[in-house]
Amino acid sequence: MFTTDIGIDLGTANTLICVKGKGIIMREPSVVAYDIRSDAVRAVGTEAKEMIGRTPGSIVAVRPLKDGVIADFDVTAAMLKRFIRQALRGSLFSRVRVVICVPAGVTEVESRAVWDAAKQAGAVDIDIVEEPMAAAVGAGLPVKDAAGNMVVDIGGGTSEVAVISLGDIVTAQSVRIAGDDLDESIINYIRKKHSLLIGERTAEQIKIEIGSALPYEGETSIEIKGRNLVDGLPKNVIITSEEVRDAMSDTIMQIIDNIRLTLEKTPPELASDIIERGITLTGGGALLRGFAELVSRETGMPVSVAQSPLDCVVIGTEKRLDGSGGFDTYQFRRGKRFR
């Protein structure tokens, strides 16, 4: 009676939170700014992200998750505590029940760290779900059918590929190459080609504004600012869509190779279902121009982007909370709960 049910998509780049019966109530960058002298948290989410690269020596703005898993336990727990407190603002309920997602390829230690962080943040009951399963349910795939459903979830830190049938994962691959690596590819390219050093936020802006996996109509260029590595002075450079595409091509092909590997491991009957039903893309990476077309070209499968690719995982957690969407037979493969 006195419990609030919360679903959390704890992502490397962004954290999304939903409350049962209310839908998605929070979308915040997974960033924490804290004072290294007192270990006090100064800001989380959007406010902390604005501080990246702009803080004095006494304040550090960090992303406590790397490659989809916890890199700094204490900072992650503090961030979760802040987010849960914001989600409960105005609520009369004090007990919190949480469904939280982890990549399909996490180890026992990594999934335990997520459970411990949620516990330290105040959750009394914690259910762990694998991200591709939540993404498939959130995308509206008929996961309960005795047929193959393939989902590719490309986030900030990991790319998850899974084939799902009868409400559970049949085969899955998780590769720690995703949106952050696309940003890093752009940073490295500009540093080598133009002797210009740019930050993560600038690289992400370039990817969103002119990035693509295939040539597209109306390609353009963008002026970026950074530090000249030759003389150390600020400098402006014009970057074209073609240059950005070349910079990201190797990373994109590694993600597609992971999709191929999953298809190779898929049982023949389920593979024939995927030929008919196609592959569904979710996550921020699904929004990259031309990516769906490139995946279709390289695999020979029909490919579609989910209706709300950024929200699929957290929508899946909400369906887990209310018992809908095909979670009836699903069990987290490393034990449903830790004690």
Protein backbone atom coordinates (compact mmCIF):
# COMPACT_ATOMS: atom_id res chain seq x y z
CA MET A 1 0.00 0.00 0.00
CA PHE A 2 2.78 2.43 0.90
CA THR A 3 5.15 1.53 -1.95
CA THR A 4 6.02 3.44 -5.12
CA ASP A 5 7.07 1.34 -8.13
CA ILE A 6 9.86 2.88 -10.24
CA GLY A 7 11.46 1.70 -13.46
CA ILE A 8 15.02 2.86 -14.22
CA ASP A 9 16.96 2.76 -17.47
CA LEU A 10 20.41 3.35 -16.00
CA GLY A 11 22.34 4.24 -19.13
CA THR A 12 25.93 5.26 -19.71
CA ALA A 13 24.84 8.52 -21.32
CA ASN A 14 21.33 9.13 -19.93
CA THR A 15 19.12 7.86 -17.12
CA LEU A 16 15.37 7.62 -17.68
CA ILE A 17 12.90 6.99 -14.86
CA CYS A 18 9.23 6.03 -14.98
CA VAL A 19 6.70 5.61 -12.19
CA LYS A 20 3.99 2.97 -12.42
CA GLY A 21 0.79 4.59 -13.59
CA LYS A 22 2.46 7.91 -14.47
CA GLY A 23 4.78 7.00 -17.34
CA ILE A 24 8.20 8.58 -17.93
CA ILE A 25 8.80 11.40 -15.49
CA MET A 26 12.52 12.04 -15.82
CA ARG A 27 15.23 12.12 -18.52
CA GLU A 28 18.61 13.22 -17.25
CA PRO A 29 22.23 12.80 -18.38
CA SER A 30 24.11 10.25 -16.25
CA VAL A 31 26.53 12.88 -14.96
CA VAL A 32 27.51 13.88 -11.42
CA ALA A 33 29.48 16.96 -10.31
CA TYR A 34 31.06 16.68 -6.87
CA ASP A 35 33.50 18.57 -4.68
CA ILE A 36 36.69 16.54 -4.30
CA ARG A 37 37.54 18.30 -1.03
CA SER A 38 34.37 17.29 0.80
CA ASP A 39 33.03 14.51 -1.49
CA ALA A 40 29.74 16.43 -1.51
CA VAL A 41 27.58 16.12 -4.63
CA ARG A 42 27.11 19.57 -6.18
CA ALA A 43 24.83 18.67 -9.09
CA VAL A 44 23.44 15.73 -11.08
CA GLY A 45 21.90 15.34 -14.52
CA THR A 46 21.59 18.28 -16.90
CA GLU A 47 23.06 20.78 -14.46
CA ALA A 48 26.15 18.59 -13.97
CA LYS A 49 26.54 17.97 -17.73
CA GLU A 50 26.73 21.72 -18.32
CA MET A 51 29.77 21.74 -16.03
CA ILE A 52 31.81 19.19 -18.01
CA GLY A 53 35.07 20.82 -19.07
CA ARG A 54 34.17 24.04 -17.25
CA THR A 55 34.83 23.25 -13.58
CA PRO A 56 37.55 24.60 -11.27
CA GLY A 57 40.09 22.19 -9.82
CA SER A 58 38.03 21.53 -6.70
CA ILE A 59 34.95 20.28 -8.62
CA VAL A 60 34.89 17.25 -10.88
CA ALA A 61 32.08 16.45 -13.33
CA VAL A 62 32.10 12.73 -14.20
CA ARG A 63 30.00 10.05 -15.82
CA PRO A 64 30.01 7.26 -13.19
CA LEU A 65 29.00 4.55 -15.68
CA LYS A 66 31.29 3.30 -18.41
CA ASP A 67 30.42 0.77 -21.11
CA GLY A 68 27.02 0.21 -19.52
CA VAL A 69 28.32 -0.77 -16.08
CA ILE A 70 29.24 1.03 -12.88
CA ALA A 71 32.75 2.51 -12.92
CA ASP A 72 32.38 4.51 -9.68
CA PHE A 73 30.06 2.85 -7.18
CA ASP A 74 29.73 5.66 -4.61
CA VAL A 75 29.04 8.33 -7.23
CA THR A 76 26.47 6.10 -8.99
CA ALA A 77 24.68 5.44 -5.71
CA ALA A 78 24.61 9.18 -4.94
CA MET A 79 23.24 9.90 -8.42
CA LEU A 80 20.53 7.26 -8.09
CA LYS A 81 19.58 8.58 -4.67
CA ARG A 82 19.13 12.10 -6.10
CA PHE A 83 17.09 10.83 -9.06
CA ILE A 84 14.83 8.64 -6.90
CA ARG A 85 14.29 11.52 -4.49
CA GLN A 86 13.25 13.75 -7.41
CA ALA A 87 10.93 11.03 -8.73
CA LEU A 88 9.22 10.75 -5.33
CA ARG A 89 8.81 14.50 -4.89
CA GLY A 90 5.30 15.20 -3.63
CA SER A 91 4.62 11.50 -3.00
CA LEU A 92 3.28 10.27 0.33
CA PHE A 93 4.93 6.89 -0.13
CA SER A 94 8.32 6.18 1.39
CA ARG A 95 9.02 2.60 0.27
CA VAL A 96 10.46 2.23 -3.22
CA ARG A 97 10.31 -0.85 -5.42
CA VAL A 98 12.65 -0.68 -8.42
CA VAL A 99 13.03 -2.42 -11.76
CA ILE A 100 16.47 -1.57 -13.17
CA CYS A 101 18.20 -2.65 -16.38
CA VAL A 102 21.69 -4.02 -17.05
CA PRO A 103 23.41 -5.01 -20.33
CA ALA A 104 23.00 -8.64 -21.39
CA GLY A 105 26.74 -9.24 -21.18
CA VAL A 106 27.35 -8.11 -17.59
CA THR A 107 29.16 -10.31 -15.11
CA GLU A 108 27.80 -11.43 -11.74
CA VAL A 109 29.93 -8.78 -10.03
CA GLU A 110 28.71 -6.00 -12.32
CA SER A 111 25.03 -6.86 -11.90
CA ARG A 112 25.53 -7.14 -8.14
CA ALA A 113 27.05 -3.64 -8.15
CA VAL A 114 23.89 -2.27 -9.81
CA TRP A 115 21.72 -4.05 -7.22
CA ASP A 116 23.85 -2.69 -4.35
CA ALA A 117 23.73 0.86 -5.76
CA ALA A 118 19.94 0.75 -6.00
CA LYS A 119 19.76 -0.65 -2.47
CA GLN A 120 22.01 2.09 -1.14
CA ALA A 121 19.83 4.65 -2.94
CA GLY A 122 16.85 3.52 -0.84
CA ALA A 123 15.09 0.78 -2.82
CA VAL A 124 13.53 -1.95 -0.67
CA ASP A 125 12.84 -4.41 -3.48
CA ILE A 126 14.97 -4.59 -6.65
CA ASP A 127 14.29 -6.51 -9.85
CA ILE A 128 17.01 -6.68 -12.50
CA VAL A 129 16.12 -6.98 -16.19
CA GLU A 130 18.41 -7.33 -19.20
CA GLU A 131 18.28 -4.29 -21.49
CA PRO A 132 17.50 -6.06 -24.79
CA MET A 133 14.51 -7.79 -23.19
CA ALA A 134 13.18 -4.49 -21.80
CA ALA A 135 13.85 -2.79 -25.17
CA ALA A 136 11.94 -5.47 -27.08
CA VAL A 137 8.95 -5.22 -24.76
CA GLY A 138 9.07 -1.42 -24.83
CA ALA A 139 9.18 -1.47 -28.64
CA GLY A 140 5.96 -3.51 -28.67
CA LEU A 141 7.43 -6.71 -30.12
CA PRO A 142 5.31 -9.86 -29.60
CA VAL A 143 7.92 -11.49 -27.37
CA LYS A 144 5.46 -14.09 -25.99
CA ASP A 145 4.99 -15.68 -29.43
CA ALA A 146 6.73 -18.93 -30.33
CA ALA A 147 8.65 -17.03 -33.00
CA GLY A 148 11.92 -15.12 -33.28
CA ASN A 149 12.01 -11.41 -32.51
CA MET A 150 15.34 -9.63 -32.98
CA VAL A 151 16.13 -6.35 -31.26
CA VAL A 152 19.28 -4.22 -31.49
CA ASP A 153 19.62 -1.64 -28.71
CA ILE A 154 22.44 0.86 -29.29
CA GLY A 155 23.03 3.05 -26.26
CA GLY A 156 25.89 5.22 -25.12
CA GLY A 157 28.17 2.52 -23.72
CA THR A 158 26.95 -0.80 -25.13
CA SER A 159 25.24 -2.27 -28.18
CA GLU A 160 22.88 -5.10 -27.26
CA VAL A 161 21.67 -7.63 -29.80
CA ALA A 162 19.18 -10.32 -28.80
CA VAL A 163 16.80 -12.87 -30.29
CA ILE A 164 13.72 -13.38 -28.12
CA SER A 165 11.06 -16.08 -28.23
CA LEU A 166 8.40 -17.32 -25.78
CA GLY A 167 9.05 -14.45 -23.39
CA ASP A 168 12.77 -14.99 -22.89
CA ILE A 169 16.14 -14.41 -24.53
CA VAL A 170 17.30 -17.25 -26.78
CA THR A 171 20.65 -15.80 -27.78
CA ALA A 172 22.27 -12.43 -27.11
CA GLN A 173 25.49 -10.54 -27.78
CA SER A 174 26.67 -7.46 -25.92
CA VAL A 175 29.55 -5.41 -27.27
CA ARG A 176 30.96 -2.40 -25.46
CA ILE A 177 31.04 -0.31 -28.61
CA ALA A 178 28.25 2.23 -29.03
CA GLY A 179 27.45 5.96 -29.14
CA ASP A 180 30.38 7.03 -26.96
CA ASP A 181 32.78 5.25 -29.30
CA LEU A 182 31.27 7.08 -32.29
CA ASP A 183 32.00 10.35 -30.45
CA GLU A 184 35.54 9.19 -29.69
CA SER A 185 36.07 8.29 -33.38
CA ILE A 186 35.12 11.85 -34.35
CA ILE A 187 37.47 13.32 -31.72
CA ASN A 188 40.39 11.17 -32.94
CA TYR A 189 39.73 11.96 -36.62
CA ILE A 190 39.64 15.72 -36.06
CA ARG A 191 42.76 15.56 -33.92
CA LYS A 192 44.71 13.68 -36.62
CA LYS A 193 43.28 15.40 -39.70
CA HIS A 194 42.96 18.98 -38.48
CA SER A 195 45.30 19.05 -35.43
CA LEU A 196 42.33 20.29 -33.42
CA LEU A 197 41.33 19.08 -29.96
CA ILE A 198 37.58 19.07 -29.24
CA GLY A 199 35.55 17.81 -26.28
CA GLU A 200 32.95 15.08 -25.93
CA ARG A 201 30.00 17.48 -26.09
CA THR A 202 31.24 18.99 -29.37
CA ALA A 203 31.75 15.53 -30.87
CA GLU A 204 28.24 14.51 -29.87
CA GLN A 205 26.84 17.68 -31.44
CA ILE A 206 28.69 16.94 -34.69
CA LYS A 207 27.33 13.37 -34.74
CA ILE A 208 23.74 14.50 -34.19
CA GLU A 209 23.78 17.42 -36.63
CA ILE A 210 25.65 16.03 -39.65
CA GLY A 211 26.60 12.42 -38.82
CA SER A 212 25.38 9.52 -40.97
CA ALA A 213 26.08 5.89 -41.80
CA LEU A 214 25.35 6.36 -45.52
CA PRO A 215 25.44 9.36 -47.90
CA TYR A 216 22.22 11.37 -47.73
CA GLU A 217 20.56 14.13 -49.70
CA GLY A 218 21.38 17.64 -48.56
CA GLU A 219 24.68 16.83 -46.87
CA THR A 220 26.20 19.85 -45.23
CA SER A 221 29.09 21.00 -43.07
CA ILE A 222 29.49 22.51 -39.62
CA GLU A 223 31.94 24.96 -38.09
CA ILE A 224 33.49 23.71 -34.87
CA LYS A 225 35.73 25.34 -32.31
CA GLY A 226 38.58 23.77 -30.41
CA ARG A 227 42.21 24.10 -29.38
CA ASN A 228 44.91 24.05 -32.05
CA LEU A 229 47.42 21.35 -31.12
CA VAL A 230 50.18 23.13 -33.03
CA ASP A 231 50.22 26.49 -31.22
CA GLY A 232 47.72 25.87 -28.40
CA LEU A 233 45.42 28.71 -29.48
CA PRO A 234 41.65 28.52 -30.12
CA LYS A 235 40.80 27.66 -33.72
CA ASN A 236 37.74 27.22 -35.98
CA VAL A 237 37.48 24.40 -38.53
CA ILE A 238 34.82 23.42 -41.09
CA ILE A 239 33.88 19.69 -40.95
CA THR A 240 31.80 18.01 -43.69
CA SER A 241 29.26 15.19 -43.41
CA GLU A 242 31.52 12.97 -45.51
CA GLU A 243 34.41 13.42 -43.08
CA VAL A 244 32.21 12.54 -40.10
CA ARG A 245 30.92 9.45 -41.90
CA ASP A 246 34.48 8.31 -42.66
CA ALA A 247 35.46 8.90 -39.04
CA MET A 248 32.64 6.70 -37.71
CA SER A 249 32.68 3.96 -40.37
CA ASP A 250 34.94 1.46 -38.57
CA THR A 251 32.97 1.72 -35.32
CA ILE A 252 29.65 1.34 -37.16
CA MET A 253 30.90 -1.81 -38.91
CA GLN A 254 31.94 -3.32 -35.57
CA ILE A 255 28.35 -2.93 -34.35
CA ILE A 256 27.03 -4.53 -37.54
CA ASP A 257 29.53 -7.41 -37.18
CA ASN A 258 28.00 -8.07 -33.75
CA ILE A 259 24.55 -8.27 -35.35
CA ARG A 260 25.89 -10.79 -37.88
CA LEU A 261 27.45 -12.86 -35.09
CA THR A 262 24.11 -13.06 -33.28
CA LEU A 263 22.36 -14.15 -36.47
CA GLU A 264 24.96 -16.90 -36.93
CA LYS A 265 24.16 -18.23 -33.45
CA THR A 266 20.37 -18.11 -33.95
CA PRO A 267 18.56 -21.46 -34.39
CA PRO A 268 17.40 -21.98 -38.01
CA GLU A 269 13.66 -21.83 -37.26
CA LEU A 270 14.01 -18.54 -35.41
CA ALA A 271 16.28 -17.19 -38.15
CA SER A 272 13.52 -17.81 -40.70
CA ASP A 273 11.11 -15.85 -38.47
CA ILE A 274 13.53 -12.91 -38.38
CA ILE A 275 13.68 -12.89 -42.20
CA GLU A 276 9.90 -12.34 -42.15
CA ARG A 277 9.62 -10.05 -39.11
CA GLY A 278 12.86 -8.15 -39.54
CA ILE A 279 15.19 -6.48 -37.05
CA THR A 280 14.00 -3.72 -34.72
CA LEU A 281 16.45 -0.95 -33.74
CA THR A 282 16.19 0.88 -30.41
CA GLY A 283 18.40 3.27 -28.43
CA GLY A 284 19.97 6.57 -29.43
CA GLY A 285 22.17 4.91 -32.08
CA ALA A 286 19.05 3.93 -34.02
CA LEU A 287 18.53 7.64 -34.81
CA LEU A 288 21.79 7.92 -36.77
CA ARG A 289 20.95 8.80 -40.38
CA GLY A 290 21.16 5.83 -42.72
CA PHE A 291 22.03 3.29 -40.01
CA ALA A 292 18.88 1.18 -40.49
CA GLU A 293 19.45 1.11 -44.27
CA LEU A 294 23.09 0.07 -43.79
CA VAL A 295 22.15 -2.76 -41.39
CA SER A 296 19.54 -3.98 -43.90
CA ARG A 297 22.08 -3.85 -46.73
CA GLU A 298 24.74 -5.75 -44.74
CA THR A 299 22.45 -8.46 -43.30
CA GLY A 300 19.85 -8.84 -46.05
CA MET A 301 17.09 -8.46 -43.43
CA PRO A 302 14.28 -5.91 -43.26
CA VAL A 303 15.15 -3.34 -40.57
CA SER A 304 12.89 -0.86 -38.80
CA VAL A 305 13.40 1.75 -36.09
CA ALA A 306 11.12 1.56 -33.03
CA GLN A 307 8.56 4.32 -32.61
CA SER A 308 10.31 5.89 -29.59
CA PRO A 309 13.81 4.38 -29.71
CA LEU A 310 15.19 6.46 -26.82
CA ASP A 311 12.36 5.39 -24.50
CA CYS A 312 11.99 1.68 -25.30
CA VAL A 313 14.05 0.35 -22.38
CA VAL A 314 12.32 2.45 -19.71
CA ILE A 315 8.90 1.68 -21.23
CA GLY A 316 9.84 -1.99 -20.92
CA THR A 317 10.59 -1.53 -17.21
CA GLU A 318 7.16 0.07 -16.74
CA LYS A 319 5.52 -2.96 -18.36
CA ARG A 320 7.55 -5.17 -16.04
CA LEU A 321 6.12 -3.22 -13.11
CA ASP A 322 2.50 -3.65 -14.18
CA GLY A 323 2.96 -7.26 -15.30
CA SER A 324 2.22 -6.70 -18.99
CA GLY A 325 4.17 -6.96 -22.22
CA GLY A 326 5.22 -10.62 -22.07
CA PHE A 327 7.39 -10.76 -18.96
CA ASP A 328 5.42 -13.74 -17.56
CA THR A 329 8.13 -16.35 -18.16
CA TYR A 330 11.18 -14.09 -18.16
CA GLN A 331 13.90 -14.71 -15.56
CA PHE A 332 17.11 -12.73 -15.22
CA ARG A 333 19.73 -15.30 -16.21
CA ARG A 334 22.00 -14.73 -13.20
CA GLY A 335 19.26 -15.05 -10.63
CA LYS A 336 16.20 -12.86 -10.44
CA ARG A 337 17.28 -11.09 -7.29
CA PHE A 338 20.28 -10.79 -5.04
CA ARG A 339 19.97 -11.04 -1.29
